[in-house]
Protein backbone atom coordinates (compact mmCIF):
# COMPACT_ATOMS: atom_id res chain seq x y z
CA MET A 1 92.10 88.19 109.20
CA THR A 2 93.68 90.10 106.30
CA ASN A 3 93.70 93.91 106.42
CA THR A 4 94.06 96.04 103.29
CA PHE A 5 96.45 98.98 103.34
CA TYR A 6 98.31 100.97 100.71
CA PHE A 7 101.73 102.57 100.45
CA ASN A 8 100.61 105.17 97.92
CA ALA A 9 99.55 103.08 94.89
CA LEU A 10 100.95 99.80 96.26
CA GLU A 11 98.04 97.75 97.53
CA LEU A 12 99.08 95.50 100.40
CA SER A 13 96.63 92.73 99.57
CA PRO A 14 96.52 89.09 98.41
CA SER A 15 95.96 90.27 94.83
CA ASN A 16 99.58 91.47 94.97
CA ASN A 17 100.79 88.46 97.00
CA ILE A 18 100.98 90.59 100.16
CA TYR A 19 99.12 89.74 103.37
CA VAL A 20 98.80 92.15 106.32
CA THR A 21 97.80 89.83 109.11
CA ALA A 22 96.97 92.18 111.98
CA ALA A 23 95.51 95.58 112.63
CA PRO A 24 98.23 98.23 112.94
CA SER A 25 99.82 98.65 116.34
CA PHE A 26 100.12 102.31 117.36
CA ASP A 27 103.02 102.86 119.74
CA PRO A 28 102.77 106.37 121.24
CA GLY A 29 106.13 106.38 123.04
CA ASN A 30 106.87 108.37 126.20
CA SER A 31 105.84 111.80 124.91
CA TYR A 32 102.64 110.93 123.11
CA GLU A 33 99.32 109.62 124.35
CA SER A 34 96.84 107.92 122.05
CA THR A 35 94.17 105.28 122.10
CA THR A 36 92.98 103.20 119.20
CA SER A 37 89.82 101.27 118.53
CA TRP A 38 88.43 99.75 115.36
CA ARG A 39 84.97 100.79 114.13
CA GLY A 40 84.16 99.02 110.93
CA ARG A 41 86.73 100.21 108.42
CA THR A 42 88.07 103.15 110.38
CA ILE A 43 90.50 103.80 113.21
CA ARG A 44 89.58 106.18 116.02
CA ILE A 45 92.57 107.96 117.51
CA SER A 46 92.50 110.45 120.37
CA ASP A 47 95.71 112.34 121.09
CA VAL A 48 96.96 115.13 123.31
CA GLN A 49 99.97 116.29 121.30
CA PRO A 50 100.33 116.59 117.50
CA LYS A 51 103.72 114.84 117.49
CA PRO A 52 105.01 112.02 115.28
CA THR A 53 103.92 108.55 116.31
CA LYS A 54 104.97 105.04 115.38
CA VAL A 55 102.88 102.36 113.67
CA VAL A 56 103.81 98.69 113.22
CA LEU A 57 102.44 96.62 110.33
CA LYS A 58 103.03 92.88 110.27
CA GLY A 59 102.41 90.41 107.47
CA PHE A 60 103.99 88.15 104.88
CA CYS A 61 104.56 87.95 101.13
CA THR A 62 104.27 84.85 98.97
CA THR A 63 106.76 86.03 96.34
CA GLU A 64 110.10 87.78 96.47
CA ALA A 65 108.83 90.37 93.97
CA ALA A 66 106.02 91.31 96.37
CA LEU A 67 108.50 91.71 99.21
CA ARG A 68 110.72 93.92 97.03
CA SER A 69 107.75 96.18 96.30
CA ILE A 70 107.46 96.84 100.06
CA VAL A 71 111.18 97.11 100.76
CA LYS A 72 111.35 99.80 98.09
CA TYR A 73 109.82 102.17 100.66
CA ASP A 74 112.33 101.37 103.41
CA SER A 75 114.12 104.57 104.40
CA GLN A 76 117.45 103.13 103.25
CA ASN A 77 116.07 102.94 99.71
CA TYR A 78 113.47 105.71 99.50
CA ASP A 79 114.82 109.22 98.91
CA TRP A 80 112.56 111.38 101.05
CA ASN A 81 114.05 114.61 99.68
CA THR A 82 113.97 114.09 95.93
CA ASP A 83 111.32 111.44 95.16
CA SER A 84 108.46 113.00 93.26
CA GLU A 85 105.66 112.02 95.66
CA ALA A 86 105.05 112.17 99.36
CA LEU A 87 104.57 108.74 100.89
CA TYR A 88 101.28 107.91 102.62
CA LEU A 89 99.92 105.00 104.62
CA ILE A 90 96.35 104.55 103.41
CA LYS A 91 93.63 102.44 105.02
CA ASP A 92 90.63 101.43 102.91
CA LEU A 93 91.21 104.39 100.57
CA SER A 94 89.69 106.72 103.14
CA ARG A 95 92.25 107.16 105.94
CA ARG A 96 95.59 108.71 104.98
CA TRP A 97 98.64 109.47 107.10
CA LYS A 98 101.84 111.02 105.75
CA ILE A 99 104.88 108.84 106.45
CA TYR A 100 108.06 110.38 107.81
CA SER A 101 110.23 107.25 107.78
CA MET A 102 109.95 103.48 107.50
CA GLN A 103 112.07 100.48 108.48
CA VAL A 104 111.24 97.10 106.92
CA THR A 105 112.65 93.85 108.32
CA PHE A 106 111.95 90.46 106.77
CA ASP A 107 112.86 86.78 106.85
CA TYR A 108 112.35 83.61 104.81
CA ASP A 109 110.05 81.00 106.29
CA TRP A 110 108.68 78.03 104.33
CA ASN A 111 108.27 79.75 100.96
CA THR A 112 106.90 82.95 102.50
CA TYR A 113 108.56 86.21 103.44
CA PRO A 114 107.29 87.46 106.81
CA PHE A 115 107.89 91.17 107.25
CA THR A 116 107.51 93.93 109.81
CA ALA A 117 107.22 97.57 108.75
CA ILE A 118 107.93 100.10 111.50
CA ILE A 119 106.48 103.38 110.27
CA VAL A 120 106.81 106.86 111.75
CA LEU A 121 103.86 109.09 110.86
CA ASN A 122 104.30 112.84 110.66
CA LYS A 123 101.19 113.53 112.69
CA VAL A 124 98.13 111.71 113.92
CA GLY A 125 96.58 114.72 115.62
CA GLY A 126 92.94 115.53 114.97
CA GLU A 127 92.23 112.30 113.13
CA GLY A 128 89.76 110.84 115.62
CA TYR A 129 86.20 110.56 114.34
CA VAL A 130 83.47 108.22 113.18
CA GLN A 131 83.21 108.00 109.44
CA THR A 132 79.86 108.27 107.65
CA SER A 133 79.16 107.33 104.05
CA LYS A 134 76.50 108.07 101.44
CA THR A 135 76.29 105.54 98.63
CA GLY A 136 74.02 104.92 95.67
CA THR A 137 73.70 104.27 91.95
CA SER A 138 71.67 105.77 89.14
CA SER A 139 71.36 105.92 85.36
CA SER A 140 69.22 109.06 85.56
CA SER A 141 70.83 112.50 85.84
CA PRO A 142 70.91 114.47 88.07
CA ILE A 143 71.04 112.61 91.39
CA SER A 144 70.31 114.45 94.64
CA ILE A 145 72.18 113.34 97.78
CA ALA A 146 70.54 114.96 100.80
CA SER A 147 71.04 115.18 104.58
CA ILE A 148 74.83 115.32 104.67
CA LEU A 149 75.41 116.52 108.23
CA ASN A 150 78.39 117.68 110.27
CA ALA A 151 77.43 118.02 113.93
CA GLY A 152 80.68 119.73 114.92
CA ASP A 153 81.50 123.43 115.08
CA GLN A 154 84.00 123.54 112.16
CA ASP A 155 83.76 123.04 108.41
CA THR A 156 84.90 119.56 107.37
CA PHE A 157 86.07 118.13 104.07
CA PHE A 158 85.10 114.81 102.57
CA ASP A 159 87.62 112.07 103.36
CA SER A 160 87.00 110.56 99.97
CA ILE A 161 84.62 110.93 97.04
CA LYS A 162 84.47 107.79 94.91
CA ILE A 163 82.76 107.83 91.52
CA THR A 164 82.48 104.54 89.60
CA GLY A 165 81.57 104.43 85.94
CA ALA A 166 78.83 102.12 84.70
CA TYR A 167 77.73 101.31 81.17
CA SER A 168 74.11 102.19 80.39
CA GLY A 169 72.13 102.93 77.27
CA GLY A 170 75.02 102.09 75.00
CA ALA A 171 77.52 104.47 76.60
CA ASN A 172 80.05 104.79 79.41
CA LEU A 173 79.74 107.42 82.15
CA THR A 174 80.32 110.83 80.55
CA SER A 175 81.04 114.24 82.12
CA PRO A 176 80.15 113.40 85.76
CA ALA A 177 80.17 116.47 88.03
CA ILE A 178 79.33 116.96 91.71
CA THR A 179 77.75 120.25 92.78
CA GLN A 180 77.38 121.52 96.33
CA SER A 181 73.83 122.73 95.85
CA THR A 182 73.63 125.57 98.40
CA ILE A 183 77.11 127.03 98.01
CA GLY A 184 77.53 126.21 94.33
CA TYR A 185 81.01 124.67 94.40
CA VAL A 186 81.55 122.10 91.63
CA LEU A 187 83.91 119.14 91.27
CA ASN A 188 84.19 118.08 87.63
CA VAL A 189 85.16 114.43 87.91
CA ALA A 190 86.28 113.33 84.42
CA ASP A 191 85.40 113.52 80.76
CA ILE A 192 84.70 109.78 80.57
CA ILE A 193 85.02 106.99 83.16
CA LEU A 194 85.15 103.55 81.59
CA ASP A 195 82.74 100.84 82.69
CA THR A 196 83.72 99.54 86.18
CA ALA A 197 86.60 102.05 86.49
CA TYR A 198 86.56 104.33 89.52
CA PHE A 199 87.99 107.73 90.47
CA GLU A 200 88.62 108.52 94.17
CA PHE A 201 89.16 112.13 95.28
CA TYR A 202 90.86 112.94 98.59
CA ASN A 203 90.91 116.17 100.59
CA ASP A 204 94.57 116.92 99.78
CA TYR A 205 93.77 117.59 96.10
CA THR A 206 94.98 114.18 94.96
CA ALA A 207 92.82 111.64 93.15
CA LYS A 208 93.38 107.97 92.31
CA HIS A 209 91.95 106.35 89.16
CA THR A 210 91.72 102.56 88.89
CA TYR A 211 90.65 100.42 85.94
CA ILE A 212 90.67 96.60 86.11
CA ASP A 213 89.59 93.96 83.60
CA ALA A 214 90.11 90.30 84.51
CA PHE A 215 88.38 89.29 81.24
CA ALA A 216 85.77 87.13 82.95
CA THR A 217 83.39 88.30 80.19
CA THR A 218 83.77 90.24 76.96
CA ASN A 219 81.97 93.29 78.43
CA GLY A 220 85.03 95.30 79.45
CA PHE A 221 86.84 94.70 76.18
CA THR A 222 83.79 95.57 74.10
CA ARG A 223 82.73 98.65 76.07
CA ASN A 224 86.05 100.16 77.07
CA LYS A 225 88.59 99.67 74.29
CA ASN A 226 89.28 102.70 72.14
CA SER A 227 90.00 100.56 69.08
CA SER A 228 91.25 97.11 68.14
CA THR A 229 92.43 95.15 65.10
CA ASN A 230 92.75 91.37 64.97
CA VAL A 231 91.77 91.02 68.65
CA THR A 232 89.24 88.45 69.85
CA PHE A 233 87.80 87.42 73.23
CA ASP A 234 88.11 83.76 74.18
CA THR A 235 86.47 82.55 77.42
CA ASP A 236 88.76 84.29 79.92
CA HIS A 237 91.37 86.18 77.89
CA LEU A 238 92.03 88.21 74.77
CA ASP A 239 93.98 86.94 71.78
CA ILE A 240 95.89 89.57 69.79
CA ALA A 241 96.81 87.97 66.48
CA ALA A 242 99.54 88.97 64.03
CA SER A 243 99.40 92.57 62.79
CA GLY A 244 97.00 93.39 65.64
CA THR A 245 96.42 96.41 67.87
CA LEU A 246 94.60 96.82 71.18
CA GLN A 247 94.24 100.47 72.20
CA TYR A 248 92.74 102.17 75.29
CA ARG A 249 92.14 105.84 75.97
CA PHE A 250 91.68 107.52 79.37
CA ARG A 251 90.06 110.99 79.49
CA LEU A 252 90.43 111.92 83.14
CA LEU A 253 90.39 115.74 83.08
CA HIS A 254 92.94 116.18 85.89
CA PRO A 255 96.71 116.11 85.20
CA LEU A 256 98.75 113.05 86.14
CA LEU A 257 100.97 113.46 89.19
CA GLN A 258 103.25 110.70 87.93
CA ASP A 259 103.41 108.12 85.16
CA PRO A 260 100.54 105.59 85.34
CA VAL A 261 101.31 101.97 86.19
CA LEU A 262 99.84 99.28 83.94
CA THR A 263 99.70 95.73 85.29
CA LEU A 264 99.29 92.88 82.78
CA THR A 265 99.13 89.11 82.88
CA ILE A 266 100.35 87.66 79.57
CA PRO A 267 100.06 83.84 79.57
CA SER A 268 101.70 83.44 76.16
CA MET A 269 103.51 85.55 73.59
CA THR A 270 105.16 85.00 70.23
CA GLY A 271 107.83 87.40 69.03
CA SER A 272 108.24 90.85 70.59
CA PRO A 273 104.92 92.73 70.70
CA ALA A 274 105.25 96.39 71.69
CA LEU A 275 103.66 98.41 74.49
CA GLU A 276 103.38 102.05 73.42
CA VAL A 277 101.97 105.22 75.00
CA SER A 278 100.79 108.55 73.64
CA PRO A 279 99.12 111.78 74.82
CA ASP A 280 97.36 112.42 71.51
CA ALA A 281 97.21 109.18 69.42
CA SER A 282 99.65 110.80 66.96
CA ASN A 283 102.98 110.73 68.78
CA TRP A 284 103.76 107.30 70.17
CA TRP A 285 106.74 105.95 72.11
CA GLU A 286 107.51 102.63 73.74
CA ALA A 287 107.12 102.16 77.49
CA GLU A 288 110.36 101.83 79.44
CA ARG A 289 109.92 98.08 79.89
CA THR A 290 109.30 95.52 77.16
CA LEU A 291 106.40 93.11 77.42
CA THR A 292 107.04 89.74 79.03
CA THR A 293 105.01 86.67 79.90
CA GLY A 294 104.15 86.26 83.56
CA ASN A 295 101.58 86.87 86.27
CA ARG A 296 100.72 90.54 86.90
CA GLU A 297 103.83 92.27 85.65
CA ASP A 298 104.02 96.06 86.14
CA TYR A 299 104.84 98.54 83.37
CA ASN A 300 105.33 102.29 83.84
CA LEU A 301 103.65 104.24 81.05
CA THR A 302 106.63 106.47 80.52
CA LYS A 303 106.62 110.27 80.08
CA LEU A 304 102.89 110.77 80.61
CA ALA A 305 103.06 112.74 83.90
CA GLY A 306 101.27 116.06 83.49
CA TYR A 307 98.76 114.87 80.87
CA ASP A 308 95.08 114.31 81.62
CA ASP A 309 94.17 112.54 78.35
CA PHE A 310 96.38 109.62 77.37
CA TYR A 311 96.53 106.34 75.45
CA PHE A 312 98.31 103.03 75.55
CA ARG A 313 98.32 100.27 72.96
CA ILE A 314 99.71 96.79 72.45
CA THR A 315 100.75 96.03 68.88
CA THR A 316 101.89 92.86 67.14
CA ALA A 317 103.82 92.68 63.88
CA ALA A 318 103.63 89.95 61.24
CA GLY A 319 104.36 86.58 62.83
CA GLU A 320 103.73 87.85 66.37
CA ALA A 321 100.88 87.09 68.78
CA LEU A 322 99.90 87.65 72.41
CA SER A 323 97.28 86.48 74.90
CA LEU A 324 96.11 88.78 77.71
CA SER A 325 94.21 87.55 80.78
CA TYR A 326 94.43 90.49 83.22
CA MET A 327 94.78 94.26 83.00
CA LYS A 328 94.94 96.94 85.71
CA LEU A 329 95.78 100.61 85.29
CA ILE A 330 96.36 102.88 88.30
CA SER A 331 97.02 106.58 87.95
CA TRP A 332 97.33 109.43 90.46
CA HIS A 333 96.07 112.92 89.59
CA ASN A 334 96.16 116.49 90.87
CA TYR A 335 92.79 118.25 90.99
CA SER A 336 93.93 121.48 92.66
CA GLY A 337 92.60 123.33 89.61
CA GLN A 338 89.14 122.57 91.04
CA ARG A 339 89.58 124.89 94.02
CA PRO A 340 87.74 125.53 96.26
CA ILE A 341 87.24 121.99 97.47
CA LEU A 342 83.80 120.68 98.43
CA TYR A 343 83.15 120.83 102.17
CA ILE A 344 80.40 120.31 104.75
CA ARG A 345 79.23 123.20 106.93
CA PRO A 346 79.02 122.75 110.74
CA ASN A 347 76.20 122.80 113.31
CA SER A 348 74.13 120.04 111.70
CA THR A 349 73.33 122.19 108.67
CA SER A 350 71.81 119.85 106.09
CA GLU A 351 73.89 119.79 102.91
CA THR A 352 72.70 118.52 99.53
CA MET A 353 75.01 117.37 96.75
CA SER A 354 73.94 116.88 93.16
CA ILE A 355 75.66 114.54 90.69
CA SER A 356 75.02 115.20 87.02
CA PHE A 357 76.29 113.38 83.93
CA SER A 358 75.60 113.22 80.20
CA ALA A 359 75.57 109.47 79.47
CA GLY A 360 76.03 106.08 81.10
CA ALA A 361 75.35 105.47 84.79
CA VAL A 362 77.12 106.30 88.06
CA ASP A 363 77.87 104.67 91.40
CA TYR A 364 78.92 107.03 94.19
CA ASP A 365 80.47 106.61 97.64
CA LEU A 366 80.98 109.79 99.71
CA ARG A 367 82.80 109.41 103.05
CA TYR A 368 83.18 112.08 105.72
CA ARG A 369 83.49 112.72 109.45
CA ASP A 370 80.10 113.40 111.02
CA LYS A 371 81.47 115.66 113.76
CA TRP A 372 84.44 117.98 113.48
CA SER A 373 85.40 120.38 116.25
CA VAL A 374 88.56 122.07 117.50
């Protein structure tokens, strides 16, 4: 069994050559009592003291680069005082625990790198509950999502609100917004979400945007590019010929917490094509790392933190060419400007949410605790 976890944006999954082979082991120690049980995709934890607790993750990596991406977060390497982001252990994009420290040990065993990550969480208190979800899809606006219930005696927030863009009627999803019908609170999601991209909002005012195109068809390239010159689709990849440009734009409304990370697979390349970024399509600069051939190489889109509308482009000069078979962009955003946050009232009061949008179609996945009490 392979379990999917995240260290912030790092997905511990086979797609990144990382395999977590067992459910996490929660070790309460002498001064902490807790019990764990798995219910679908969630962990239920009951505790008696809100003190730090220890978690053990075990797995293996199939490449040294994958192992290095984990070891980066070992406390000997990670600066907990000055690094720009808090570090979280995330389960299935819905369960988040802030990490206080981490120790990673590893070995080499028959072309794999088995590892153990011993993680100290700041607090596990009050995280025990059964998670409920409301899911659906529609190309007709608005959508009404009824009977959202919290049987406890306290207001509760959504664990996650996931909005996925879908292409419909010749357009991508435009101006999606979620309104809490009775109270009137609104979460404006984005200006445009590209086809198959998704935006996940958490209850700590952070949001994660993900866009992936494995070029299995020409749909993503055709629907989602901002512009292109001398670029063609061929079976399972793009070919960018000499004097070509492939440009994407992301209009995500909420400012970037940090520079986005672009992952590319470039099977072949001639010359030195450039990867450039811009906040306005007028002022361009090169990313901090030059393009290279290889499987799923990561590139930081430099100096974009703080922007909510940004571009990247790949350009080839005369005599240059490039093939592209995989693209993933992950960005983290701050939506604290959308205060107050959407919440669910207690005592089994039926809540109704409404999702509106101007074009395209939407998939939604709302996850929340169905009973919250103190």
